[in-house]
Amino acid sequence: MNAIKAIYENGTLKPLEQVPLREGSEVLITIIETKKKDQSKLLDFFGIWKGENAIDLDQIMKDRENCSLGRPEID
């Protein structure tokens, strides 16, 4: 018994390795997982908010500590 990897796309199995078959061989196909979409482009946006013009969340919260002064609080 041999096992190889393949991808099923557009109604066709595409082997990722050499297929060790002889004429008349029986084949068992097992689906193990769905192919994950390529998310490598997501890394292009990593750190997009870093820079001299960006304000981090800690600074925003610090700036807003006293934003309700002078207004009555409603409980």
PDB file of N, CA and C in Angstrom:
ATOM      1  N   MET A   1       0.852  -1.179   0.000  1.00  0.00           N
ATOM      2  CA  MET A   1       0.000   0.000   0.000  1.00  0.00           C
ATOM      3  C   MET A   1       0.889   1.230   0.000  1.00  0.00           C
ATOM      4  N   ASN A   2       0.556   2.194  -0.824  1.00  0.00           N
ATOM      5  CA  ASN A   2       1.279   3.462  -0.922  1.00  0.00           C
ATOM      6  C   ASN A   2       0.328   4.617  -0.671  1.00  0.00           C
ATOM      7  N   ALA A   3       0.861   5.732  -0.215  1.00  0.00           N
ATOM      8  CA  ALA A   3       0.071   6.944  -0.020  1.00  0.00           C
ATOM      9  C   ALA A   3       0.839   8.113  -0.626  1.00  0.00           C
ATOM     10  N   ILE A   4       0.123   8.980  -1.319  1.00  0.00           N
ATOM     11  CA  ILE A   4       0.729  10.190  -1.871  1.00  0.00           C
ATOM     12  C   ILE A   4      -0.194  11.367  -1.566  1.00  0.00           C
ATOM     13  N   LYS A   5       0.339  12.569  -1.656  1.00  0.00           N
ATOM     14  CA  LYS A   5      -0.474  13.766  -1.469  1.00  0.00           C
ATOM     15  C   LYS A   5      -0.971  14.252  -2.827  1.00  0.00           C
ATOM     16  N   ALA A   6      -2.189  14.805  -2.811  1.00  0.00           N
ATOM     17  CA  ALA A   6      -2.779  15.383  -4.016  1.00  0.00           C
ATOM     18  C   ALA A   6      -3.715  16.503  -3.600  1.00  0.00           C
ATOM     19  N   ILE A   7      -4.040  17.367  -4.541  1.00  0.00           N
ATOM     20  CA  ILE A   7      -4.996  18.450  -4.317  1.00  0.00           C
ATOM     21  C   ILE A   7      -6.143  18.262  -5.299  1.00  0.00           C
ATOM     22  N   TYR A   8      -7.360  18.442  -4.799  1.00  0.00           N
ATOM     23  CA  TYR A   8      -8.557  18.347  -5.644  1.00  0.00           C
ATOM     24  C   TYR A   8      -8.985  19.762  -5.994  1.00  0.00           C
ATOM     25  N   GLU A   9      -8.892  20.119  -7.265  1.00  0.00           N
ATOM     26  CA  GLU A   9      -9.299  21.442  -7.732  1.00  0.00           C
ATOM     27  C   GLU A   9     -10.034  21.312  -9.051  1.00  0.00           C
ATOM     28  N   ASN A  10     -11.133  22.042  -9.146  1.00  0.00           N
ATOM     29  CA  ASN A  10     -11.910  22.078 -10.399  1.00  0.00           C
ATOM     30  C   ASN A  10     -12.255  20.693 -10.931  1.00  0.00           C
ATOM     31  N   GLY A  11     -12.623  19.786 -10.039  1.00  0.00           N
ATOM     32  CA  GLY A  11     -13.055  18.457 -10.445  1.00  0.00           C
ATOM     33  C   GLY A  11     -11.940  17.490 -10.797  1.00  0.00           C
ATOM     34  N   THR A  12     -10.699  17.855 -10.516  1.00  0.00           N
ATOM     35  CA  THR A  12      -9.561  17.008 -10.878  1.00  0.00           C
ATOM     36  C   THR A  12      -8.626  16.817  -9.688  1.00  0.00           C
ATOM     37  N   LEU A  13      -8.139  15.590  -9.516  1.00  0.00           N
ATOM     38  CA  LEU A  13      -7.109  15.323  -8.508  1.00  0.00           C
ATOM     39  C   LEU A  13      -5.749  15.610  -9.135  1.00  0.00           C
ATOM     40  N   LYS A  14      -4.972  16.462  -8.492  1.00  0.00           N
ATOM     41  CA  LYS A  14      -3.636  16.798  -8.994  1.00  0.00           C
ATOM     42  C   LYS A  14      -2.605  16.236  -8.018  1.00  0.00           C
ATOM     43  N   PRO A  15      -1.904  15.159  -8.414  1.00  0.00           N
ATOM     44  CA  PRO A  15      -0.891  14.566  -7.538  1.00  0.00           C
ATOM     45  C   PRO A  15       0.246  15.546  -7.266  1.00  0.00           C
ATOM     46  N   LEU A  16       0.716  15.563  -6.027  1.00  0.00           N
ATOM     47  CA  LEU A  16       1.854  16.383  -5.638  1.00  0.00           C
ATOM     48  C   LEU A  16       3.136  15.565  -5.597  1.00  0.00           C
ATOM     49  N   GLU A  17       3.008  14.260  -5.831  1.00  0.00           N
ATOM     50  CA  GLU A  17       4.139  13.341  -5.815  1.00  0.00           C
ATOM     51  C   GLU A  17       3.973  12.350  -6.957  1.00  0.00           C
ATOM     52  N   GLN A  18       5.027  11.602  -7.236  1.00  0.00           N
ATOM     53  CA  GLN A  18       4.965  10.553  -8.255  1.00  0.00           C
ATOM     54  C   GLN A  18       3.919   9.508  -7.851  1.00  0.00           C
ATOM     55  N   VAL A  19       3.100   9.095  -8.786  1.00  0.00           N
ATOM     56  CA  VAL A  19       2.051   8.112  -8.525  1.00  0.00           C
ATOM     57  C   VAL A  19       2.599   6.712  -8.814  1.00  0.00           C
ATOM     58  N   PRO A  20       2.758   5.869  -7.780  1.00  0.00           N
ATOM     59  CA  PRO A  20       3.329   4.526  -7.972  1.00  0.00           C
ATOM     60  C   PRO A  20       2.257   3.484  -8.319  1.00  0.00           C
ATOM     61  N   LEU A  21       1.685   3.565  -9.517  1.00  0.00           N
ATOM     62  CA  LEU A  21       0.607   2.654  -9.908  1.00  0.00           C
ATOM     63  C   LEU A  21       1.026   1.753 -11.065  1.00  0.00           C
ATOM     64  N   ARG A  22       0.446   0.537 -11.029  1.00  0.00           N
ATOM     65  CA  ARG A  22       0.563  -0.376 -12.162  1.00  0.00           C
ATOM     66  C   ARG A  22      -0.829  -0.565 -12.731  1.00  0.00           C
ATOM     67  N   GLU A  23      -0.898  -0.966 -13.953  1.00  0.00           N
ATOM     68  CA  GLU A  23      -2.197  -1.194 -14.608  1.00  0.00           C
ATOM     69  C   GLU A  23      -3.055  -2.119 -13.752  1.00  0.00           C
ATOM     70  N   GLY A  24      -4.304  -1.752 -13.512  1.00  0.00           N
ATOM     71  CA  GLY A  24      -5.228  -2.572 -12.744  1.00  0.00           C
ATOM     72  C   GLY A  24      -5.139  -2.368 -11.233  1.00  0.00           C
ATOM     73  N   SER A  25      -4.378  -1.394 -10.779  1.00  0.00           N
ATOM     74  CA  SER A  25      -4.250  -1.143  -9.337  1.00  0.00           C
ATOM     75  C   SER A  25      -5.550  -0.584  -8.777  1.00  0.00           C
ATOM     76  N   GLU A  26      -5.893  -1.027  -7.578  1.00  0.00           N
ATOM     77  CA  GLU A  26      -7.039  -0.447  -6.878  1.00  0.00           C
ATOM     78  C   GLU A  26      -6.561   0.801  -6.148  1.00  0.00           C
ATOM     79  N   VAL A  27      -7.427   1.807  -6.085  1.00  0.00           N
ATOM     80  CA  VAL A  27      -7.070   3.087  -5.473  1.00  0.00           C
ATOM     81  C   VAL A  27      -8.114   3.441  -4.422  1.00  0.00           C
ATOM     82  N   LEU A  28      -7.645   3.878  -3.274  1.00  0.00           N
ATOM     83  CA  LEU A  28      -8.512   4.359  -2.203  1.00  0.00           C
ATOM     84  C   LEU A  28      -8.199   5.831  -1.999  1.00  0.00           C
ATOM     85  N   ILE A  29      -9.210   6.677  -2.130  1.00  0.00           N
ATOM     86  CA  ILE A  29      -9.008   8.114  -1.951  1.00  0.00           C
ATOM     87  C   ILE A  29      -9.565   8.513  -0.591  1.00  0.00           C
ATOM     88  N   THR A  30      -8.735   9.140   0.218  1.00  0.00           N
ATOM     89  CA  THR A  30      -9.135   9.596   1.552  1.00  0.00           C
ATOM     90  C   THR A  30      -8.980  11.114   1.610  1.00  0.00           C
ATOM     91  N   ILE A  31     -10.054  11.800   1.951  1.00  0.00           N
ATOM     92  CA  ILE A  31     -10.013  13.260   2.078  1.00  0.00           C
ATOM     93  C   ILE A  31      -9.648  13.569   3.534  1.00  0.00           C
ATOM     94  N   ILE A  32      -8.523  14.253   3.745  1.00  0.00           N
ATOM     95  CA  ILE A  32      -8.081  14.489   5.119  1.00  0.00           C
ATOM     96  C   ILE A  32      -8.270  15.916   5.601  1.00  0.00           C
ATOM     97  N   GLU A  33      -8.226  16.882   4.689  1.00  0.00           N
ATOM     98  CA  GLU A  33      -8.437  18.265   5.097  1.00  0.00           C
ATOM     99  C   GLU A  33      -8.686  19.115   3.870  1.00  0.00           C
ATOM    100  N   THR A  34      -9.253  20.299   4.119  1.00  0.00           N
ATOM    101  CA  THR A  34      -9.481  21.252   3.054  1.00  0.00           C
ATOM    102  C   THR A  34      -8.226  22.084   2.862  1.00  0.00           C
ATOM    103  N   LYS A  35      -7.864  22.318   1.624  1.00  0.00           N
ATOM    104  CA  LYS A  35      -6.691  23.145   1.334  1.00  0.00           C
ATOM    105  C   LYS A  35      -6.929  24.543   1.881  1.00  0.00           C
ATOM    106  N   LYS A  36      -5.962  25.058   2.611  1.00  0.00           N
ATOM    107  CA  LYS A  36      -6.061  26.395   3.176  1.00  0.00           C
ATOM    108  C   LYS A  36      -5.699  27.420   2.112  1.00  0.00           C
ATOM    109  N   LYS A  37      -6.408  28.536   2.142  1.00  0.00           N
ATOM    110  CA  LYS A  37      -6.105  29.599   1.193  1.00  0.00           C
ATOM    111  C   LYS A  37      -4.782  30.262   1.561  1.00  0.00           C
ATOM    112  N   ASP A  38      -4.077  30.728   0.565  1.00  0.00           N
ATOM    113  CA  ASP A  38      -2.807  31.419   0.773  1.00  0.00           C
ATOM    114  C   ASP A  38      -3.070  32.753   1.451  1.00  0.00           C
ATOM    115  N   GLN A  39      -2.531  32.926   2.637  1.00  0.00           N
ATOM    116  CA  GLN A  39      -2.717  34.168   3.380  1.00  0.00           C
ATOM    117  C   GLN A  39      -1.408  34.930   3.523  1.00  0.00           C
ATOM    118  N   SER A  40      -0.439  34.626   2.674  1.00  0.00           N
ATOM    119  CA  SER A  40       0.857  35.282   2.779  1.00  0.00           C
ATOM    120  C   SER A  40       0.763  36.782   2.525  1.00  0.00           C
ATOM    121  N   LYS A  41      -0.205  37.214   1.741  1.00  0.00           N
ATOM    122  CA  LYS A  41      -0.381  38.649   1.481  1.00  0.00           C
ATOM    123  C   LYS A  41      -0.797  39.405   2.740  1.00  0.00           C
ATOM    124  N   LEU A  42      -1.377  38.695   3.695  1.00  0.00           N
ATOM    125  CA  LEU A  42      -1.785  39.322   4.946  1.00  0.00           C
ATOM    126  C   LEU A  42      -0.596  39.942   5.673  1.00  0.00           C
ATOM    127  N   LEU A  43       0.571  39.328   5.536  1.00  0.00           N
ATOM    128  CA  LEU A  43       1.770  39.853   6.184  1.00  0.00           C
ATOM    129  C   LEU A  43       2.182  41.212   5.636  1.00  0.00           C
ATOM    130  N   ASP A  44       1.729  41.565   4.439  1.00  0.00           N
ATOM    131  CA  ASP A  44       2.022  42.885   3.886  1.00  0.00           C
ATOM    132  C   ASP A  44       1.440  43.998   4.746  1.00  0.00           C
ATOM    133  N   PHE A  45       0.366  43.687   5.486  1.00  0.00           N
ATOM    134  CA  PHE A  45      -0.297  44.692   6.310  1.00  0.00           C
ATOM    135  C   PHE A  45       0.174  44.676   7.757  1.00  0.00           C
ATOM    136  N   PHE A  46       1.053  43.734   8.102  1.00  0.00           N
ATOM    137  CA  PHE A  46       1.554  43.640   9.467  1.00  0.00           C
ATOM    138  C   PHE A  46       2.364  44.889   9.798  1.00  0.00           C
ATOM    139  N   GLY A  47       2.012  45.550  10.896  1.00  0.00           N
ATOM    140  CA  GLY A  47       2.733  46.741  11.322  1.00  0.00           C
ATOM    141  C   GLY A  47       2.341  48.004  10.577  1.00  0.00           C
ATOM    142  N   ILE A  48       1.215  47.965   9.845  1.00  0.00           N
ATOM    143  CA  ILE A  48       0.812  49.117   9.038  1.00  0.00           C
ATOM    144  C   ILE A  48       0.541  50.358   9.898  1.00  0.00           C
ATOM    145  N   TRP A  49       0.145  50.145  11.162  1.00  0.00           N
ATOM    146  CA  TRP A  49      -0.173  51.280  12.032  1.00  0.00           C
ATOM    147  C   TRP A  49       1.035  51.741  12.839  1.00  0.00           C
ATOM    148  N   LYS A  50       2.171  51.144  12.628  1.00  0.00           N
ATOM    149  CA  LYS A  50       3.384  51.592  13.312  1.00  0.00           C
ATOM    150  C   LYS A  50       3.988  52.745  12.520  1.00  0.00           C
ATOM    151  N   GLY A  51       4.388  53.775  13.210  1.00  0.00           N
ATOM    152  CA  GLY A  51       5.010  54.906  12.527  1.00  0.00           C
ATOM    153  C   GLY A  51       4.913  56.135  13.395  1.00  0.00           C
ATOM    154  N   GLU A  52       5.560  57.176  12.960  1.00  0.00           N
ATOM    155  CA  GLU A  52       5.633  58.374  13.789  1.00  0.00           C
ATOM    156  C   GLU A  52       4.292  59.072  13.941  1.00  0.00           C
ATOM    157  N   ASN A  53       3.356  58.885  13.009  1.00  0.00           N
ATOM    158  CA  ASN A  53       2.058  59.543  13.093  1.00  0.00           C
ATOM    159  C   ASN A  53       1.013  58.708  13.820  1.00  0.00           C
ATOM    160  N   ALA A  54       1.349  57.484  14.177  1.00  0.00           N
ATOM    161  CA  ALA A  54       0.399  56.588  14.838  1.00  0.00           C
ATOM    162  C   ALA A  54       0.436  56.802  16.349  1.00  0.00           C
ATOM    163  N   ILE A  55      -0.740  56.733  16.958  1.00  0.00           N
ATOM    164  CA  ILE A  55      -0.853  56.832  18.415  1.00  0.00           C
ATOM    165  C   ILE A  55      -1.313  55.484  18.910  1.00  0.00           C
ATOM    166  N   ASP A  56      -0.621  54.925  19.893  1.00  0.00           N
ATOM    167  CA  ASP A  56      -1.014  53.604  20.379  1.00  0.00           C
ATOM    168  C   ASP A  56      -2.165  53.711  21.370  1.00  0.00           C
ATOM    169  N   LEU A  57      -2.784  52.585  21.653  1.00  0.00           N
ATOM    170  CA  LEU A  57      -3.968  52.539  22.501  1.00  0.00           C
ATOM    171  C   LEU A  57      -3.681  53.076  23.898  1.00  0.00           C
ATOM    172  N   ASP A  58      -2.515  52.782  24.454  1.00  0.00           N
ATOM    173  CA  ASP A  58      -2.183  53.287  25.795  1.00  0.00           C
ATOM    174  C   ASP A  58      -2.190  54.806  25.831  1.00  0.00           C
ATOM    175  N   GLN A  59      -1.683  55.446  24.802  1.00  0.00           N
ATOM    176  CA  GLN A  59      -1.659  56.912  24.755  1.00  0.00           C
ATOM    177  C   GLN A  59      -3.068  57.468  24.625  1.00  0.00           C
ATOM    178  N   ILE A  60      -3.908  56.833  23.821  1.00  0.00           N
ATOM    179  CA  ILE A  60      -5.293  57.271  23.673  1.00  0.00           C
ATOM    180  C   ILE A  60      -6.014  57.189  25.007  1.00  0.00           C
ATOM    181  N   MET A  61      -5.855  56.078  25.735  1.00  0.00           N
ATOM    182  CA  MET A  61      -6.522  55.922  27.034  1.00  0.00           C
ATOM    183  C   MET A  61      -6.000  56.945  28.030  1.00  0.00           C
ATOM    184  N   LYS A  62      -4.716  57.213  28.020  1.00  0.00           N
ATOM    185  CA  LYS A  62      -4.137  58.215  28.915  1.00  0.00           C
ATOM    186  C   LYS A  62      -4.712  59.601  28.607  1.00  0.00           C
ATOM    187  N   ASP A  63      -4.834  59.928  27.331  1.00  0.00           N
ATOM    188  CA  ASP A  63      -5.388  61.226  26.928  1.00  0.00           C
ATOM    189  C   ASP A  63      -6.853  61.367  27.317  1.00  0.00           C
ATOM    190  N   ARG A  64      -7.556  60.250  27.453  1.00  0.00           N
ATOM    191  CA  ARG A  64      -9.000  60.302  27.747  1.00  0.00           C
ATOM    192  C   ARG A  64      -9.333  60.073  29.224  1.00  0.00           C
ATOM    193  N   GLU A  65      -8.321  59.945  30.071  1.00  0.00           N
ATOM    194  CA  GLU A  65      -8.578  59.684  31.495  1.00  0.00           C
ATOM    195  C   GLU A  65      -9.499  60.721  32.114  1.00  0.00           C
ATOM    196  N   ASN A  66      -9.360  61.970  31.735  1.00  0.00           N
ATOM    197  CA  ASN A  66     -10.131  63.051  32.349  1.00  0.00           C
ATOM    198  C   ASN A  66     -11.169  63.638  31.395  1.00  0.00           C
ATOM    199  N   CYS A  67     -11.573  62.890  30.391  1.00  0.00           N
ATOM    200  CA  CYS A  67     -12.484  63.451  29.389  1.00  0.00           C
ATOM    201  C   CYS A  67     -13.880  63.723  29.947  1.00  0.00           C
ATOM    202  N   SER A  68     -14.257  63.108  31.062  1.00  0.00           N
ATOM    203  CA  SER A  68     -15.597  63.354  31.599  1.00  0.00           C
ATOM    204  C   SER A  68     -15.599  64.403  32.715  1.00  0.00           C
ATOM    205  N   LEU A  69     -14.444  65.011  33.006  1.00  0.00           N
ATOM    206  CA  LEU A  69     -14.411  66.055  34.040  1.00  0.00           C
ATOM    207  C   LEU A  69     -15.307  67.218  33.627  1.00  0.00           C
ATOM    208  N   GLY A  70     -16.072  67.714  34.578  1.00  0.00           N
ATOM    209  CA  GLY A  70     -16.966  68.822  34.298  1.00  0.00           C
ATOM    210  C   GLY A  70     -18.349  68.373  33.871  1.00  0.00           C
ATOM    211  N   ARG A  71     -18.537  67.087  33.658  1.00  0.00           N
ATOM    212  CA  ARG A  71     -19.854  66.559  33.315  1.00  0.00           C
ATOM    213  C   ARG A  71     -20.330  65.667  34.424  1.00  0.00           C
ATOM    214  N   PRO A  72     -21.601  65.720  34.758  1.00  0.00           N
ATOM    215  CA  PRO A  72     -22.100  64.811  35.797  1.00  0.00           C
ATOM    216  C   PRO A  72     -22.125  63.365  35.282  1.00  0.00           C
ATOM    217  N   GLU A  73     -21.704  62.440  36.097  1.00  0.00           N
ATOM    218  CA  GLU A  73     -21.748  61.022  35.753  1.00  0.00           C
ATOM    219  C   GLU A  73     -23.133  60.479  36.059  1.00  0.00           C
ATOM    220  N   ILE A  74     -23.649  59.638  35.212  1.00  0.00           N
ATOM    221  CA  ILE A  74     -24.956  59.007  35.436  1.00  0.00           C
ATOM    222  C   ILE A  74     -24.718  57.576  35.826  1.00  0.00           C
ATOM    223  N   ASP A  75     -25.227  57.199  36.992  1.00  0.00           N
ATOM    224  CA  ASP A  75     -25.068  55.828  37.461  1.00  0.00           C
ATOM    225  C   ASP A  75     -26.241  54.979  37.092  1.00  0.00           C
TER     226      ASP A  75
END
